Protein backbone atom coordinates (compact mmCIF):
# COMPACT_ATOMS: atom_id res chain seq x y z
CA UNK A 1 -15.74 -23.52 -0.03
CA UNK A 2 -17.07 -20.41 -1.27
CA UNK A 3 -14.80 -18.14 -3.03
CA UNK A 4 -13.75 -15.11 -0.89
CA UNK A 5 -15.43 -11.61 -1.53
CA UNK A 6 -13.37 -9.73 -3.89
CA UNK A 7 -12.17 -6.33 -3.17
CA UNK A 8 -13.61 -3.42 -5.10
CA UNK A 9 -11.13 -0.80 -6.24
CA UNK A 10 -13.80 2.10 -6.36
CA UNK A 11 -13.66 1.90 -10.18
CA UNK A 12 -16.71 -0.39 -11.57
CA UNK A 13 -15.18 -0.31 -14.89
CA UNK A 14 -11.78 -1.62 -13.34
CA UNK A 15 -13.31 -3.92 -11.40
CA UNK A 16 -14.82 -5.32 -14.45
CA UNK A 17 -11.42 -6.03 -16.02
CA UNK A 18 -10.31 -7.61 -12.76
CA UNK A 19 -13.15 -10.24 -12.79
CA UNK A 20 -14.96 -8.49 -9.74
CA UNK A 21 -12.08 -6.86 -8.11
CA UNK A 22 -8.86 -7.53 -6.17
CA UNK A 23 -8.52 -10.86 -4.08
CA UNK A 24 -8.04 -10.68 -0.58
CA UNK A 25 -5.02 -12.02 1.32
CA UNK A 26 -2.87 -11.21 -1.79
CA UNK A 27 -0.62 -8.34 -3.10
CA UNK A 28 -1.50 -6.01 -5.94
CA UNK A 29 0.98 -3.78 -7.42
CA UNK A 30 0.23 -0.56 -9.16
CA UNK A 31 2.94 0.48 -11.30
CA UNK A 32 3.60 3.76 -13.34
CA UNK A 33 5.66 7.17 -13.50
CA UNK A 34 4.81 10.29 -11.43
CA UNK A 35 1.91 12.14 -11.97
CA UNK A 36 0.12 9.04 -14.23
CA UNK A 37 -2.85 8.54 -11.24
CA UNK A 38 -1.39 6.22 -8.87
CA UNK A 39 -2.31 7.71 -5.83
CA UNK A 40 -5.57 8.72 -6.87
CA UNK A 41 -6.64 5.32 -7.71
CA UNK A 42 -5.35 3.96 -4.22
CA UNK A 43 -7.22 6.44 -2.52
CA UNK A 44 -10.45 5.26 -4.68
CA UNK A 45 -9.36 1.63 -3.41
CA UNK A 46 -9.14 2.64 0.25
CA UNK A 47 -12.18 4.86 0.44
CA UNK A 48 -14.32 1.86 -1.27
CA UNK A 49 -13.54 -0.17 2.03
CA UNK A 50 -16.41 2.33 3.53
CA UNK A 51 -19.23 0.54 1.42
CA UNK A 52 -17.82 -2.82 1.24
CA UNK A 53 -16.42 -3.63 4.71
CA UNK A 54 -17.90 -0.66 6.49
CA UNK A 55 -14.11 1.05 7.19
CA UNK A 56 -12.01 3.06 4.87
CA UNK A 57 -8.48 1.42 4.47
CA UNK A 58 -5.26 2.98 5.59
CA UNK A 59 -2.14 4.51 4.24
CA UNK A 60 1.27 4.05 4.86
CA UNK A 61 3.66 6.46 3.13
CA UNK A 62 7.07 5.30 2.60
CA UNK A 63 8.19 8.58 0.78
CA UNK A 64 11.77 9.43 2.01
CA UNK A 65 12.54 12.48 0.89
CA UNK A 66 9.97 15.04 2.15
CA UNK A 67 8.05 15.20 -1.01
CA UNK A 68 4.44 15.75 -0.67
CA UNK A 69 2.17 12.97 -1.89
CA UNK A 70 -0.96 15.29 -1.81
CA UNK A 71 -2.60 12.38 0.15
CA UNK A 72 -4.78 14.63 2.42
CA UNK A 73 -5.93 16.68 -0.83
CA UNK A 74 -6.50 13.92 -2.88
CA UNK A 75 -8.70 12.17 0.28
CA UNK A 76 -10.45 15.51 0.32
CA UNK A 77 -11.44 15.98 -2.99
CA UNK A 78 -12.09 12.48 -3.99
CA UNK A 79 -13.97 11.06 -0.92
CA UNK A 80 -14.51 14.05 1.16
CA UNK A 81 -12.49 12.31 3.57
CA UNK A 82 -10.23 14.06 6.21
CA UNK A 83 -7.14 11.98 6.86
CA UNK A 84 -6.24 11.35 10.49
CA UNK A 85 -2.49 10.86 10.50
CA UNK A 86 -0.69 9.02 13.11
CA UNK A 87 1.93 11.22 14.61
CA UNK A 88 5.68 10.05 13.73
CA UNK A 89 6.77 10.70 17.09
CA UNK A 90 3.76 8.81 19.15
CA UNK A 91 4.81 6.90 22.04
CA UNK A 92 1.79 5.74 24.02
CA UNK A 93 1.33 2.66 26.45
CA UNK A 94 0.02 -0.51 24.35
CA UNK A 95 -3.26 -0.77 26.22
CA UNK A 96 -4.37 2.31 23.71
CA UNK A 97 -4.63 0.05 21.17
CA UNK A 98 -8.03 -1.24 22.72
CA UNK A 99 -9.38 2.35 22.51
CA UNK A 100 -10.56 3.06 18.78
CA UNK A 101 -10.15 6.77 19.14
CA UNK A 102 -6.36 6.20 20.04
CA UNK A 103 -5.54 3.44 17.66
CA UNK A 104 -7.73 3.98 14.54
CA UNK A 105 -5.52 6.34 12.32
CA UNK A 106 -5.87 6.67 8.49
CA UNK A 107 -2.13 7.35 7.53
CA UNK A 108 1.14 7.05 8.87
CA UNK A 109 4.53 8.68 7.43
CA UNK A 110 7.04 7.41 9.73
CA UNK A 111 10.72 7.43 7.65
CA UNK A 112 11.59 10.28 6.24
CA UNK A 113 15.26 10.31 5.31
CA UNK A 114 15.28 14.29 4.41
CA UNK A 115 16.33 14.35 0.85
CA UNK A 116 18.46 11.26 0.62
CA UNK A 117 18.36 8.46 -1.97
CA UNK A 118 16.39 5.20 -1.41
CA UNK A 119 19.25 2.59 -2.44
CA UNK A 120 21.74 1.15 -0.27
CA UNK A 121 24.57 1.53 -2.53
CA UNK A 122 24.20 5.41 -2.26
CA UNK A 123 25.05 4.75 1.60
CA UNK A 124 28.41 4.40 3.33
CA UNK A 125 28.74 1.91 6.12
CA UNK A 126 27.97 4.39 8.61
CA UNK A 127 24.89 5.49 7.01
CA UNK A 128 23.59 2.28 6.40
CA UNK A 129 24.14 1.29 10.18
CA UNK A 130 22.13 4.54 11.02
CA UNK A 131 19.34 3.23 8.75
CA UNK A 132 19.20 0.07 10.55
CA UNK A 133 19.18 1.62 13.86
CA UNK A 134 16.13 3.93 12.64
CA UNK A 135 14.36 0.98 11.26
CA UNK A 136 14.34 -0.83 14.41
CA UNK A 137 13.28 1.88 16.28
CA UNK A 138 10.23 2.77 13.93
CA UNK A 139 9.11 -1.12 13.50
CA UNK A 140 7.01 -1.07 16.89
CA UNK A 141 5.31 2.12 15.48
CA UNK A 142 4.52 0.32 12.29
CA UNK A 143 3.48 -2.60 13.80
CA UNK A 144 1.34 -0.94 16.15
CA UNK A 145 -0.15 1.34 13.20
CA UNK A 146 -1.37 -1.73 11.42
CA UNK A 147 -2.30 -4.07 14.25
CA UNK A 148 -4.40 -0.76 15.80
CA UNK A 149 -6.07 -0.42 12.81
CA UNK A 150 -6.67 -4.06 11.73
CA UNK A 151 -8.51 -4.94 15.17
CA UNK A 152 -10.99 -1.90 14.47
CA UNK A 153 -12.12 -3.33 11.23
CA UNK A 154 -9.76 -1.73 8.50
CA UNK A 155 -9.29 -4.53 6.08
CA UNK A 156 -7.25 -2.76 3.27
CA UNK A 157 -4.03 -0.98 2.90
CA UNK A 158 -2.35 1.07 0.64
CA UNK A 159 1.62 1.17 0.51
CA UNK A 160 2.86 4.31 -1.29
CA UNK A 161 6.03 6.58 -1.96
CA UNK A 162 7.78 3.83 -3.38
CA UNK A 163 10.67 5.31 -5.41
CA UNK A 164 12.16 3.88 -8.44
CA UNK A 165 15.72 2.00 -7.96
CA UNK A 166 17.79 0.15 -10.53
CA UNK A 167 17.40 -2.98 -8.56
CA UNK A 168 14.82 -3.92 -6.00
CA UNK A 169 17.06 -5.40 -3.81
CA UNK A 170 19.09 -2.32 -3.53
CA UNK A 171 16.13 -0.62 -1.97
CA UNK A 172 15.69 -0.06 1.55
CA UNK A 173 12.20 0.73 0.58
CA UNK A 174 11.56 -2.71 -0.37
CA UNK A 175 13.15 -3.95 2.49
CA UNK A 176 10.61 -2.44 4.67
CA UNK A 177 7.97 -3.44 2.65
CA UNK A 178 9.18 -6.88 2.57
CA UNK A 179 8.79 -6.97 6.61
CA UNK A 180 5.55 -5.01 6.53
CA UNK A 181 3.92 -7.56 3.89
CA UNK A 182 5.62 -10.95 5.47
CA UNK A 183 5.53 -10.29 8.89
CA UNK A 184 2.14 -8.15 9.37
CA UNK A 185 0.11 -8.47 6.66
CA UNK A 186 0.78 -12.69 6.07
CA UNK A 187 0.87 -13.57 10.06
CA UNK A 188 -2.05 -14.27 12.03
CA UNK A 189 -3.33 -11.65 14.43
CA UNK A 190 -1.89 -13.79 17.43
CA UNK A 191 1.37 -13.58 16.28
CA UNK A 192 1.48 -9.97 15.15
CA UNK A 193 0.42 -9.26 18.70
CA UNK A 194 3.13 -10.85 20.04
CA UNK A 195 5.76 -9.26 18.23
CA UNK A 196 4.30 -5.99 19.41
CA UNK A 197 3.81 -6.88 22.83
CA UNK A 198 6.68 -9.44 23.11
CA UNK A 199 7.23 -9.83 27.00
CA UNK A 200 4.04 -8.19 28.00
CA UNK A 201 1.94 -10.47 25.69
CA UNK A 202 0.40 -12.29 28.63
CA UNK A 203 -0.79 -9.67 30.11
CA UNK A 204 -2.66 -8.53 27.08
CA UNK A 205 -3.84 -12.07 25.95
CA UNK A 206 -7.06 -11.61 26.52
CA UNK A 207 -7.79 -8.64 24.91
CA UNK A 208 -5.95 -9.83 21.75
CA UNK A 209 -8.43 -12.83 21.67
CA UNK A 210 -11.36 -10.33 21.86
CA UNK A 211 -9.87 -8.44 19.04
CA UNK A 212 -8.80 -10.95 16.52
CA UNK A 213 -9.06 -10.67 12.94
CA UNK A 214 -8.59 -12.90 9.86
CA UNK A 215 -5.47 -11.88 8.12
CA UNK A 216 -6.66 -13.46 5.02
CA UNK A 217 -9.36 -10.87 4.50
CA UNK A 218 -6.79 -8.27 4.22
CA UNK A 219 -6.23 -6.57 0.92
CA UNK A 220 -2.77 -4.92 0.11
CA UNK A 221 -2.00 -2.56 -2.71
CA UNK A 222 1.68 -1.11 -3.15
CA UNK A 223 2.22 1.79 -5.60
CA UNK A 224 5.43 1.80 -7.18
CA UNK A 225 7.15 4.58 -9.42
CA UNK A 226 8.60 3.71 -12.42
CA UNK A 227 11.43 5.24 -14.63
CA UNK A 228 9.38 4.22 -17.56
CA UNK A 229 6.83 7.01 -18.61
CA UNK A 230 5.11 5.31 -21.87
CA UNK A 231 2.83 2.28 -21.06
CA UNK A 232 4.53 0.50 -24.10
CA UNK A 233 7.84 0.45 -22.18
CA UNK A 234 6.28 -0.81 -19.01
CA UNK A 235 4.74 -3.80 -21.10
CA UNK A 236 8.11 -4.75 -22.15
CA UNK A 237 9.80 -4.07 -18.85
CA UNK A 238 11.96 -6.78 -17.08
CA UNK A 239 11.10 -8.36 -13.91
CA UNK A 240 14.03 -8.63 -11.81
CA UNK A 241 14.26 -11.89 -9.67
CA UNK A 242 13.15 -10.92 -6.00
CA UNK A 243 11.21 -7.84 -7.54
CA UNK A 244 7.89 -7.28 -5.98
CA UNK A 245 6.25 -7.61 -9.40
CA UNK A 246 7.39 -11.19 -9.47
CA UNK A 247 5.56 -12.09 -6.02
CA UNK A 248 2.59 -9.97 -6.48
CA UNK A 249 -0.81 -11.37 -7.44
CA UNK A 250 -2.01 -8.64 -9.38
CA UNK A 251 -0.25 -5.83 -11.65
CA UNK A 252 -1.76 -2.88 -12.90
CA UNK A 253 0.38 -1.00 -15.48
CA UNK A 254 -0.40 2.96 -15.69
CA UNK A 255 1.27 4.86 -18.62
CA UNK A 256 1.26 7.47 -21.25
CA UNK A 257 -0.03 6.36 -24.45
CA UNK A 258 0.40 8.42 -28.10
CA UNK A 259 -2.90 9.33 -29.48
CA UNK A 260 -2.45 10.95 -32.83
CA UNK A 261 -0.61 14.23 -32.21
CA UNK A 262 -1.72 14.16 -28.58
CA UNK A 263 -0.61 12.23 -25.17
CA UNK A 264 -3.13 10.35 -23.11
CA UNK A 265 -3.33 8.01 -20.34
CA UNK A 266 -4.10 4.29 -20.42
CA UNK A 267 -3.67 1.36 -17.85
CA UNK A 268 -3.39 -2.47 -18.92
CA UNK A 269 -4.02 -5.39 -16.19
CA UNK A 270 -0.57 -7.13 -16.83
CA UNK A 271 -1.17 -10.01 -13.99
CA UNK A 272 -4.05 -11.31 -12.17
CA UNK A 273 -3.25 -14.84 -11.06
CA UNK A 274 -5.97 -17.56 -10.52
CA UNK A 275 -8.63 -14.94 -12.35
CA UNK A 276 -10.06 -14.08 -15.72
CA UNK A 277 -8.96 -10.86 -16.78
CA UNK A 278 -9.08 -8.39 -19.73
CA UNK A 279 -6.40 -8.27 -22.12
CA UNK A 280 -7.70 -4.51 -23.12
CA UNK A 281 -5.34 -1.61 -23.22
CA UNK A 282 -8.11 0.71 -21.35
CA UNK A 283 -7.57 4.73 -21.73
CA UNK A 284 -8.56 6.92 -18.57
CA UNK A 285 -8.90 10.30 -17.10
CA UNK A 286 -8.07 11.84 -14.11
CA UNK A 287 -11.35 13.90 -12.80
CA UNK A 288 -12.09 15.68 -9.59
CA UNK A 289 -13.46 12.22 -8.30
CA UNK A 290 -10.15 10.49 -9.28
CA UNK A 291 -9.55 7.80 -12.01
CA UNK A 292 -12.40 7.48 -14.77
CA UNK A 293 -11.98 4.81 -17.38
CA UNK A 294 -13.00 5.65 -20.72
């Protein structure tokens, strides 16, 4: 059985470090401090889908405090790409999904907790119940966003906006991500459709069969913000049991390095399961076209 075609990151030098790119059907984690260039790398990864699969990937923003991630600006500057965002209050009949113009959105930002912190320990019982209600209300939109894109050819996704927490198990962002990854990405298309349509599945069964896709062809990358700024500190970071890092196929660390009397940026492929990968620490710069490895 031939090896699956790897997914280009959109950065040739990084693809070389990754033995050709990321493996479809697996999870890649990109970890680093705010402002280190994670989002630019993510946009390059999504844009590379246009050349490789004929469709750009999709962006799901987990930012919860209303901070701007500049996704639209980065996409416009790096890829001449005008992001089409799904309205957070969108409600439409399920049959809209079969129409590309009504289902194919580039990005979604459905969870906005307006300045609140991202850990369960910061929420009292009433606030936790409120979060569960919001989660249940938004899950249908979340499933529809991904399913609507996958049936129309998107094959890669970027999850952005994951804020640092002392324990991954205490973060409701990771709770949502775990749902997205295991209940949408890792499930076969028919079962995702069953979760979405529920009691109305039978009336859509023929359309579901016509719009099937291979979930093993999907690529997923998640951008996680770290407390650590220096690459050296990221290299010695302890991985908590249940941490998304422990379950990832690929981990790319991005951090600051000291170069004499100046500071620079560098990345390191800390994990790339089942593949050859470089042990180099590679400096990079951020340009108008995104990340450029030196």
